[in-house]
Amino acid sequence: MAATFVLFFLFVSVPSILCNSEGDALHVLRTRLSDPNNVLQSWDPTLVNPCTWFHVTCNNENSVIRLDLGNSNFSGSLGSELGELKNLQYLELYRNSIDGKIPKELGKLKNLISMDLYNNKFEGRIPKSFAKLKSLRFLRLNNNNLSGPIPRKLAKLSNLKVFDVSNNNLCGTIPVDGPFANFPIKSFANNRLNGPELKGLVPYDFGC
């Protein structure tokens, strides 16, 4: 009887434990962002899980799968906490004024399908950890202040359909392998890029 009770307790507790950790992560995100329009006013950390918060979508297991925070007049920065949203599929943070570096911990989001960070003030390099996002189909980083080269390992993202890094300060050459063979040149416009790599040759970074 005692063993049965323990198993039942563990069964009903797992979703709660999971969602508390995700709620904690989102609460940290909220503290990092300036929110003049009170978009995040429903994000109450005392609730059991964040699935009742506005702009948050969960699956049947009460795990966060989508954040819709685009065009919300946010400023501030992102941190490693977003890497705790293990089941996240859609990260929408476009058209804000978020600055600082893009956290490398976003590379932990193995279920991510779409990441829209365009029209912000992100700086620094595109994280190499993005090469781990094997489910990623849409990656839009355009209209930021990103610098450095495009990580060549991103060419291994076979599911990537849309890639836009236009209007940044990227340098080096454009990969040509994998999905990069299909991206239009406008996806790379208004950078310091020096054209596509030549197949069979070691890419030259042109002082990146």
Protein backbone atom coordinates (compact mmCIF):
# COMPACT_ATOMS: atom_id res chain seq x y z
CA MET A 1 0.00 0.00 0.00
CA ALA A 2 2.81 2.41 0.93
CA ALA A 3 4.63 1.70 -2.33
CA THR A 4 1.45 2.35 -4.30
CA PHE A 5 0.99 5.69 -2.52
CA VAL A 6 4.58 6.71 -3.30
CA LEU A 7 4.15 5.89 -6.98
CA PHE A 8 0.89 7.84 -7.09
CA PHE A 9 2.55 10.81 -5.40
CA LEU A 10 5.40 10.79 -7.91
CA PHE A 11 2.99 10.50 -10.82
CA VAL A 12 0.90 13.50 -9.84
CA SER A 13 3.92 15.56 -8.76
CA VAL A 14 6.01 15.37 -11.94
CA PRO A 15 3.95 17.89 -13.96
CA SER A 16 3.91 20.29 -11.02
CA ILE A 17 7.67 20.06 -10.51
CA LEU A 18 8.26 20.53 -14.24
CA CYS A 19 6.03 23.57 -14.50
CA ASN A 20 7.42 25.17 -11.37
CA SER A 21 10.90 25.10 -12.91
CA GLU A 22 9.55 26.60 -16.12
CA GLY A 23 7.59 29.20 -14.18
CA ASP A 24 10.74 30.10 -12.27
CA ALA A 25 12.63 30.51 -15.55
CA LEU A 26 9.95 32.78 -16.99
CA HIS A 27 9.81 34.82 -13.80
CA VAL A 28 13.56 35.43 -14.11
CA LEU A 29 12.99 36.49 -17.72
CA ARG A 30 10.34 38.93 -16.54
CA THR A 31 12.76 40.52 -14.07
CA ARG A 32 15.27 41.05 -16.89
CA LEU A 33 12.82 42.89 -19.13
CA SER A 34 11.49 46.42 -18.86
CA ASP A 35 7.76 46.16 -19.60
CA PRO A 36 6.24 49.67 -19.88
CA ASN A 37 2.94 48.36 -21.27
CA ASN A 38 2.49 45.72 -18.53
CA VAL A 39 2.30 42.93 -21.09
CA LEU A 40 3.57 40.48 -18.46
CA GLN A 41 1.29 41.53 -15.60
CA SER A 42 -0.37 38.09 -15.52
CA TRP A 43 2.98 36.35 -14.93
CA ASP A 44 2.38 35.58 -11.25
CA PRO A 45 5.22 33.43 -9.80
CA THR A 46 2.97 32.23 -6.95
CA LEU A 47 0.84 30.15 -9.34
CA VAL A 48 1.53 26.41 -9.69
CA ASN A 49 2.50 26.73 -13.35
CA PRO A 50 2.68 29.40 -16.05
CA CYS A 51 0.08 27.85 -18.36
CA THR A 52 -2.57 30.41 -17.33
CA TRP A 53 -0.30 33.38 -18.09
CA PHE A 54 -0.98 35.53 -21.13
CA HIS A 55 1.34 35.02 -24.13
CA VAL A 56 2.32 31.52 -22.89
CA THR A 57 1.08 28.32 -24.56
CA CYS A 58 1.45 24.87 -22.99
CA ASN A 59 0.98 21.30 -24.18
CA ASN A 60 -1.22 18.63 -22.56
CA GLU A 61 1.51 17.96 -19.98
CA ASN A 62 1.42 21.62 -18.84
CA SER A 63 4.85 22.29 -20.29
CA VAL A 64 5.57 25.55 -22.11
CA ILE A 65 5.77 25.14 -25.89
CA ARG A 66 5.32 28.72 -27.10
CA LEU A 67 6.18 32.27 -26.03
CA ASP A 68 4.48 35.05 -27.99
CA LEU A 69 6.24 38.22 -26.87
CA GLY A 70 6.76 39.99 -30.17
CA ASN A 71 6.07 43.69 -30.71
CA SER A 72 5.66 44.36 -26.97
CA ASN A 73 7.98 47.34 -26.43
CA PHE A 74 10.32 45.34 -24.19
CA SER A 75 13.87 46.40 -23.42
CA GLY A 76 16.47 44.67 -21.29
CA SER A 77 18.36 41.46 -22.02
CA LEU A 78 18.00 37.68 -22.10
CA GLY A 79 19.79 35.19 -19.87
CA SER A 80 20.43 31.50 -19.52
CA GLU A 81 16.99 30.88 -18.00
CA LEU A 82 15.34 30.36 -21.38
CA GLY A 83 17.38 27.19 -21.77
CA GLU A 84 15.19 25.62 -19.05
CA LEU A 85 12.12 25.57 -21.31
CA LYS A 86 13.01 22.13 -22.66
CA ASN A 87 9.83 21.64 -24.70
CA LEU A 88 9.69 25.11 -26.24
CA GLN A 89 8.83 25.04 -29.94
CA TYR A 90 8.21 28.72 -30.76
CA LEU A 91 10.18 31.67 -29.39
CA GLU A 92 8.73 34.96 -30.63
CA LEU A 93 10.58 38.06 -29.38
CA TYR A 94 10.60 40.13 -32.57
CA ARG A 95 10.21 43.93 -32.75
CA ASN A 96 11.34 44.87 -29.28
CA SER A 97 14.42 46.72 -28.00
CA ILE A 98 16.14 43.78 -26.31
CA ASP A 99 19.92 44.13 -26.28
CA GLY A 100 22.98 42.22 -25.11
CA LYS A 101 24.17 38.87 -26.38
CA ILE A 102 21.93 36.03 -27.53
CA PRO A 103 22.32 33.36 -24.82
CA LYS A 104 24.17 30.23 -25.93
CA GLU A 105 21.73 28.28 -23.72
CA LEU A 106 19.10 28.63 -26.42
CA GLY A 107 20.98 25.78 -28.06
CA LYS A 108 19.45 23.48 -25.42
CA LEU A 109 15.97 23.91 -26.87
CA LYS A 110 16.05 20.72 -28.95
CA ASN A 111 12.32 20.95 -29.85
CA LEU A 112 12.51 24.51 -31.17
CA ILE A 113 10.86 24.95 -34.56
CA SER A 114 10.88 28.73 -34.90
CA MET A 115 13.04 31.46 -33.36
CA ASP A 116 12.18 35.04 -34.25
CA LEU A 117 14.53 37.59 -32.68
CA TYR A 118 14.48 40.11 -35.52
CA ASN A 119 14.21 43.87 -35.06
CA ASN A 120 15.91 44.10 -31.68
CA LYS A 121 19.30 45.37 -30.51
CA PHE A 122 21.12 42.08 -29.99
CA GLU A 123 24.89 42.25 -30.32
CA GLY A 124 27.80 39.84 -30.30
CA ARG A 125 28.01 36.61 -32.26
CA ILE A 126 25.42 34.11 -33.40
CA PRO A 127 25.84 31.27 -30.88
CA LYS A 128 27.49 28.15 -32.30
CA SER A 129 25.17 26.17 -30.03
CA PHE A 130 22.36 26.86 -32.51
CA ALA A 131 23.82 23.99 -34.54
CA LYS A 132 22.21 21.63 -31.98
CA LEU A 133 18.69 22.78 -32.89
CA LYS A 134 17.95 19.93 -35.28
CA SER A 135 14.18 20.65 -35.38
CA LEU A 136 14.64 24.32 -36.28
CA ARG A 137 12.85 25.45 -39.45
CA PHE A 138 12.73 29.22 -39.10
CA LEU A 139 15.56 31.41 -37.77
CA ARG A 140 15.17 35.16 -38.19
CA LEU A 141 17.89 37.34 -36.67
CA ASN A 142 17.69 40.24 -39.09
CA ASN A 143 17.83 43.91 -38.08
CA ASN A 144 20.05 43.60 -35.02
CA ASN A 145 23.67 44.52 -34.25
CA LEU A 146 25.16 41.03 -34.54
CA SER A 147 28.81 40.68 -35.53
CA GLY A 148 31.33 37.97 -36.38
CA PRO A 149 30.92 35.16 -38.91
CA ILE A 150 27.94 32.94 -39.61
CA PRO A 151 28.72 29.66 -37.78
CA ARG A 152 29.42 27.07 -40.47
CA LYS A 153 27.93 24.33 -38.30
CA LEU A 154 24.51 25.80 -38.99
CA ALA A 155 24.78 24.13 -42.40
CA LYS A 156 24.01 20.85 -40.59
CA LEU A 157 20.46 22.03 -39.78
CA SER A 158 18.77 20.01 -42.51
CA ASN A 159 15.25 21.15 -41.55
CA LEU A 160 16.04 24.86 -41.78
CA LYS A 161 13.73 26.48 -44.35
CA VAL A 162 14.05 30.19 -43.57
CA PHE A 163 17.23 31.94 -42.44
CA ASP A 164 17.51 35.74 -42.34
CA VAL A 165 20.47 37.66 -40.92
CA SER A 166 20.15 40.76 -43.09
CA ASN A 167 20.90 44.21 -41.65
CA ASN A 168 23.50 43.24 -39.06
CA ASN A 169 27.28 43.64 -38.92
CA LEU A 170 28.28 40.08 -39.81
CA CYS A 171 31.52 39.37 -41.63
CA GLY A 172 33.32 36.50 -43.33
CA THR A 173 31.77 34.30 -45.99
CA ILE A 174 28.34 32.74 -46.46
CA PRO A 175 28.12 28.94 -46.05
CA VAL A 176 26.97 27.05 -49.14
CA ASP A 177 26.35 23.58 -47.75
CA GLY A 178 23.07 22.03 -46.65
CA PRO A 179 20.10 24.42 -46.50
CA PHE A 180 22.31 27.42 -47.28
CA ALA A 181 22.24 26.38 -50.91
CA ASN A 182 18.59 27.49 -51.03
CA PHE A 183 18.52 30.76 -49.08
CA PRO A 184 18.11 33.92 -51.23
CA ILE A 185 20.88 36.48 -51.20
CA LYS A 186 18.54 39.02 -49.57
CA SER A 187 18.75 36.90 -46.40
CA PHE A 188 22.34 38.14 -46.02
CA ALA A 189 22.01 41.73 -47.28
CA ASN A 190 23.53 44.77 -45.55
CA ASN A 191 26.35 43.07 -43.66
CA ARG A 192 30.11 42.96 -44.17
CA LEU A 193 29.89 39.50 -45.71
CA ASN A 194 32.16 38.68 -48.63
CA GLY A 195 29.99 36.42 -50.71
CA PRO A 196 29.50 32.64 -50.69
CA GLU A 197 32.28 30.24 -49.79
CA LEU A 198 33.97 28.36 -52.59
CA LYS A 199 33.29 24.66 -52.31
CA GLY A 200 36.32 22.60 -51.52
CA LEU A 201 38.29 25.53 -50.09
CA VAL A 202 38.82 26.51 -46.48
CA PRO A 203 36.61 29.56 -45.78
CA TYR A 204 38.45 32.81 -45.31
CA ASP A 205 37.13 35.07 -42.56
CA PHE A 206 38.41 38.36 -44.04
CA GLY A 207 39.45 39.71 -40.66
CA CYS A 208 36.31 38.64 -38.79
